[in-house]
Amino acid sequence: MANIGTCALCGDENVAIERSHILPAWSYERVSRYSPGRSEPVLVTEDVALQTSEQVRRPLLCRKCEQRFSDQEKVVARWVVQEDGSFPLLQQARELEKDVAIEISEEAARALSYFGTSVIWRADVAQIDPVVSLGNALKPTRAFLLGESAPPAVMVLTLLLPPRGYPRMDRVVSFPESSGGDSDARHEFVCCGVRFSYIVGETASFGAVNAFNTRLAFVSAGHSILQSVTDRVGKVTMKGKLAAKHE
């Protein structure tokens, strides 16, 4: 039975509220199908690593707003890493060896920027672990998602090449995290080959690669992301099926 309440995005009251995904269902499926012999992805939070088929959802949106986000997610799903390992955004950049910036299609830049913003906003409103805080940018971010104003931040997109001799960083999915303060806050997550960086405050230095206004995206092997994931996994406690496998 659907919950009746107020939509977190449009504010409509006394409407049926959906259990909204923070990250799209297809991102879980692509990670799971890539892992040989493992049908469930590993969820890593601040304290625990747990192998689970449960997808993180919260009662947030009405059907109209759920569809608003879903329309952009469908476009993003066509451009990021596919189930067969292909990466449409990087078809022209497979041989790159160092960090560079490339042009992507206008459709991809628009959809990826909106999608990235929506995931970070959802994570803040839902208060999942790790906790995201947009602070003063929360309300203007909501207004942007509703089409009422320009975004209060810049969006920097980084496309992740699979580095030689390292795990496939293009298969990592991470929940959004916040760092810095109100004047230089970064809110970032990784999903199927793309790192989304929503930067609030001191943004002038990123204007040339702001995906809200340009078609540029960085290309990187993702070594810093790999290090971050490795550091986190080393600090957490394994539980459930994952713990049993390491006994």
Protein backbone atom coordinates (compact mmCIF):
# COMPACT_ATOMS: atom_id res chain seq x y z
CA MET A 1 0.00 0.00 0.00
CA ALA A 2 1.46 3.37 -1.03
CA ASN A 3 2.26 5.97 1.58
CA ILE A 4 0.25 9.19 1.41
CA GLY A 5 2.23 12.33 2.09
CA THR A 6 4.05 15.33 0.64
CA CYS A 7 6.41 14.99 -2.32
CA ALA A 8 9.93 16.07 -1.35
CA LEU A 9 10.50 17.64 -4.78
CA CYS A 10 7.36 19.37 -6.04
CA GLY A 11 5.72 19.77 -2.62
CA ASP A 12 2.34 18.35 -3.65
CA GLU A 13 0.43 17.25 -0.55
CA ASN A 14 -1.78 14.23 0.14
CA VAL A 15 -0.37 12.27 -2.79
CA ALA A 16 0.89 8.69 -3.11
CA ILE A 17 4.61 8.66 -2.34
CA GLU A 18 6.88 6.21 -4.18
CA ARG A 19 9.79 4.35 -2.61
CA SER A 20 12.40 6.12 -4.71
CA HIS A 21 15.81 4.69 -5.59
CA ILE A 22 18.75 6.86 -4.58
CA LEU A 23 20.77 5.25 -7.38
CA PRO A 24 18.93 3.74 -10.37
CA ALA A 25 18.06 0.05 -10.39
CA TRP A 26 20.09 -0.55 -13.56
CA SER A 27 23.30 0.52 -11.80
CA TYR A 28 22.93 -2.34 -9.29
CA GLU A 29 22.17 -4.79 -12.10
CA ARG A 30 25.25 -3.85 -14.11
CA VAL A 31 27.57 -4.19 -11.12
CA SER A 32 26.04 -7.55 -10.16
CA ARG A 33 26.19 -9.07 -13.63
CA TYR A 34 29.83 -8.09 -14.01
CA SER A 35 30.89 -9.96 -10.85
CA PRO A 36 31.56 -13.64 -11.72
CA GLY A 37 29.83 -15.99 -9.28
CA ARG A 38 28.38 -13.10 -7.29
CA SER A 39 24.75 -12.19 -7.88
CA GLU A 40 24.66 -9.49 -5.22
CA PRO A 41 26.75 -6.30 -5.05
CA VAL A 42 28.76 -5.32 -1.97
CA LEU A 43 27.40 -2.29 -0.10
CA VAL A 44 30.10 -0.33 1.75
CA THR A 45 29.05 2.33 4.27
CA GLU A 46 31.13 4.26 6.79
CA ASP A 47 31.43 1.25 9.11
CA VAL A 48 30.23 -1.92 7.38
CA ALA A 49 30.71 -3.91 4.16
CA LEU A 50 27.71 -6.12 3.40
CA GLN A 51 26.87 -8.29 0.40
CA THR A 52 23.18 -7.70 -0.26
CA SER A 53 20.60 -7.65 -3.02
CA GLU A 54 18.68 -4.86 -1.28
CA GLN A 55 18.58 -1.63 -3.26
CA VAL A 56 18.61 1.60 -1.25
CA ARG A 57 15.20 3.27 -1.51
CA ARG A 58 13.32 5.86 0.52
CA PRO A 59 9.76 7.26 0.36
CA LEU A 60 10.46 10.60 -1.34
CA LEU A 61 8.64 11.38 -4.57
CA CYS A 62 5.20 11.43 -6.13
CA ARG A 63 4.67 9.54 -9.37
CA LYS A 64 5.04 12.70 -11.48
CA CYS A 65 8.45 13.57 -9.99
CA GLU A 66 9.56 9.94 -10.06
CA GLN A 67 8.89 10.00 -13.80
CA ARG A 68 10.76 13.31 -14.14
CA PHE A 69 13.93 11.68 -12.78
CA SER A 70 13.33 8.41 -14.61
CA ASP A 71 13.25 10.13 -18.01
CA GLN A 72 16.80 11.45 -17.50
CA GLU A 73 18.03 8.15 -16.01
CA LYS A 74 16.99 6.33 -19.18
CA VAL A 75 19.15 8.67 -21.26
CA VAL A 76 22.12 8.28 -18.89
CA ALA A 77 21.76 4.48 -19.01
CA ARG A 78 22.46 4.56 -22.76
CA TRP A 79 25.72 6.51 -22.36
CA VAL A 80 27.49 4.97 -19.35
CA VAL A 81 29.13 1.53 -19.05
CA GLN A 82 26.86 -1.18 -20.45
CA GLU A 83 26.35 -4.77 -19.28
CA ASP A 84 28.70 -6.03 -22.02
CA GLY A 85 31.49 -3.69 -20.84
CA SER A 86 31.17 -1.18 -23.68
CA PHE A 87 31.26 2.52 -22.79
CA PRO A 88 29.53 4.69 -25.42
CA LEU A 89 30.90 7.93 -23.94
CA LEU A 90 34.45 6.68 -24.44
CA GLN A 91 34.25 5.08 -27.85
CA GLN A 92 36.63 7.73 -29.20
CA ALA A 93 38.93 7.77 -26.17
CA ARG A 94 39.87 4.16 -25.48
CA GLU A 95 43.59 4.66 -26.13
CA LEU A 96 44.09 7.68 -23.87
CA GLU A 97 46.75 7.19 -21.21
CA LYS A 98 46.52 10.39 -19.14
CA ASP A 99 43.97 12.84 -17.81
CA VAL A 100 42.51 14.93 -20.63
CA ALA A 101 39.22 16.67 -21.43
CA ILE A 102 37.03 15.58 -24.32
CA GLU A 103 33.76 16.76 -25.84
CA ILE A 104 30.67 14.61 -25.35
CA SER A 105 27.29 15.00 -26.98
CA GLU A 106 24.96 17.77 -25.85
CA GLU A 107 22.32 15.19 -24.97
CA ALA A 108 24.76 13.27 -22.77
CA ALA A 109 26.10 16.38 -21.02
CA ARG A 110 22.60 17.65 -20.24
CA ALA A 111 21.28 14.30 -19.01
CA LEU A 112 24.39 13.41 -16.97
CA SER A 113 24.44 16.82 -15.26
CA TYR A 114 20.76 16.66 -14.31
CA PHE A 115 21.03 13.03 -13.22
CA GLY A 116 24.11 13.70 -11.06
CA THR A 117 22.40 16.64 -9.38
CA SER A 118 19.24 14.61 -8.73
CA VAL A 119 21.15 11.74 -7.09
CA ILE A 120 23.03 14.12 -4.77
CA TRP A 121 19.82 15.95 -3.87
CA ARG A 122 18.05 12.64 -3.17
CA ALA A 123 20.92 11.50 -0.96
CA ASP A 124 20.68 14.71 1.09
CA VAL A 125 16.89 14.53 1.52
CA ALA A 126 17.00 10.80 2.34
CA GLN A 127 20.01 11.15 4.68
CA ILE A 128 21.56 7.84 3.73
CA ASP A 129 24.99 6.70 4.96
CA PRO A 130 27.39 8.37 4.13
CA VAL A 131 25.49 11.55 4.93
CA VAL A 132 25.33 14.25 2.28
CA SER A 133 24.71 17.88 3.20
CA LEU A 134 24.07 20.48 0.52
CA GLY A 135 23.60 23.13 3.18
CA ASN A 136 22.47 26.45 1.73
CA ALA A 137 22.50 24.92 -1.76
CA LEU A 138 19.69 22.46 -0.97
CA LYS A 139 16.74 24.71 -1.83
CA PRO A 140 18.25 26.22 -5.01
CA THR A 141 19.24 22.71 -6.13
CA ARG A 142 15.62 21.63 -5.73
CA ALA A 143 14.53 24.67 -7.74
CA PHE A 144 16.93 23.69 -10.54
CA LEU A 145 15.58 20.13 -10.61
CA LEU A 146 12.08 21.57 -10.98
CA GLY A 147 13.21 23.75 -13.88
CA GLU A 148 12.64 26.96 -11.94
CA SER A 149 16.19 28.34 -11.84
CA ALA A 150 19.81 27.82 -12.88
CA PRO A 151 21.92 25.35 -10.84
CA PRO A 152 23.67 26.89 -7.80
CA ALA A 153 26.85 24.92 -8.49
CA VAL A 154 29.03 23.52 -11.26
CA MET A 155 29.03 19.90 -12.38
CA VAL A 156 32.33 18.32 -13.34
CA LEU A 157 32.10 14.95 -15.10
CA THR A 158 35.01 12.50 -15.10
CA LEU A 159 34.86 9.46 -17.39
CA LEU A 160 36.79 6.53 -15.95
CA LEU A 161 39.03 4.50 -18.21
CA PRO A 162 39.73 0.93 -17.08
CA PRO A 163 43.41 1.27 -16.04
CA ARG A 164 45.84 -1.48 -16.98
CA GLY A 165 46.80 -3.65 -14.02
CA TYR A 166 44.07 -2.24 -11.74
CA PRO A 167 40.49 -3.25 -10.93
CA ARG A 168 37.78 -2.00 -13.26
CA MET A 169 36.97 1.42 -11.79
CA ASP A 170 34.37 1.82 -14.52
CA ARG A 171 32.36 -0.86 -12.65
CA VAL A 172 32.31 0.96 -9.30
CA VAL A 173 29.09 2.46 -7.93
CA SER A 174 29.35 4.64 -4.83
CA PHE A 175 26.85 6.71 -2.87
CA PRO A 176 27.30 10.50 -2.73
CA GLU A 177 29.60 12.02 -0.14
CA SER A 178 30.20 15.63 0.90
CA SER A 179 33.52 17.28 1.73
CA GLY A 180 34.68 20.83 2.43
CA GLY A 181 32.59 23.69 3.81
CA ASP A 182 29.88 26.03 2.53
CA SER A 183 32.40 28.12 0.58
CA ASP A 184 34.09 25.20 -1.19
CA ALA A 185 31.83 22.15 -0.81
CA ARG A 186 32.15 19.09 -3.06
CA HIS A 187 29.47 16.44 -3.37
CA GLU A 188 30.61 13.41 -5.36
CA PHE A 189 29.66 9.88 -6.34
CA VAL A 190 30.59 7.31 -8.98
CA CYS A 191 28.17 5.39 -11.18
CA CYS A 192 29.03 3.00 -14.03
CA GLY A 193 32.11 4.73 -15.37
CA VAL A 194 31.38 8.34 -14.45
CA ARG A 195 32.38 10.39 -11.41
CA PHE A 196 29.93 13.21 -10.73
CA SER A 197 31.34 16.23 -8.85
CA TYR A 198 28.79 18.87 -7.81
CA ILE A 199 30.87 21.80 -6.57
CA VAL A 200 29.37 24.68 -4.59
CA GLY A 201 31.08 27.91 -3.60
CA GLU A 202 34.48 28.72 -5.10
CA THR A 203 33.59 27.51 -8.57
CA ALA A 204 35.33 30.02 -10.87
CA SER A 205 38.26 27.68 -11.60
CA PHE A 206 35.86 25.01 -12.88
CA GLY A 207 33.82 27.22 -15.21
CA ALA A 208 35.60 26.01 -18.34
CA VAL A 209 34.59 22.39 -17.64
CA ASN A 210 31.17 23.02 -16.11
CA ALA A 211 28.96 20.39 -17.76
CA PHE A 212 25.87 22.54 -17.15
CA ASN A 213 27.23 25.00 -19.73
CA THR A 214 29.72 23.03 -21.84
CA ARG A 215 30.06 19.61 -23.45
CA LEU A 216 33.41 18.87 -21.78
CA ALA A 217 34.23 15.92 -19.56
CA PHE A 218 37.53 14.77 -18.09
CA VAL A 219 38.93 11.33 -18.86
CA SER A 220 40.90 9.64 -16.09
CA ALA A 221 42.17 6.20 -15.06
CA GLY A 222 40.58 6.81 -11.66
CA HIS A 223 43.59 6.01 -9.46
CA SER A 224 42.48 8.45 -6.73
CA ILE A 225 39.03 6.84 -6.64
CA LEU A 226 40.58 3.38 -6.41
CA GLN A 227 42.69 4.54 -3.47
CA SER A 228 39.65 5.99 -1.73
CA VAL A 229 37.68 2.76 -2.15
CA THR A 230 40.64 0.68 -0.96
CA ASP A 231 41.10 2.85 2.14
CA ARG A 232 37.42 2.61 3.05
CA VAL A 233 37.20 -1.17 2.59
CA GLY A 234 40.26 -1.56 4.79
CA LYS A 235 38.49 0.21 7.68
CA VAL A 236 35.06 -1.42 7.63
CA THR A 237 33.69 -4.54 9.34
CA MET A 238 32.44 -7.27 7.01
CA LYS A 239 29.05 -8.70 7.87
CA GLY A 240 26.60 -11.34 6.65
CA LYS A 241 27.50 -13.43 3.59
CA LEU A 242 30.61 -11.35 2.97
CA ALA A 243 31.97 -12.08 6.46
CA ALA A 244 31.32 -15.79 6.02
CA LYS A 245 33.36 -15.84 2.81
CA HIS A 246 36.37 -14.36 4.62
CA GLU A 247 36.34 -16.60 7.68
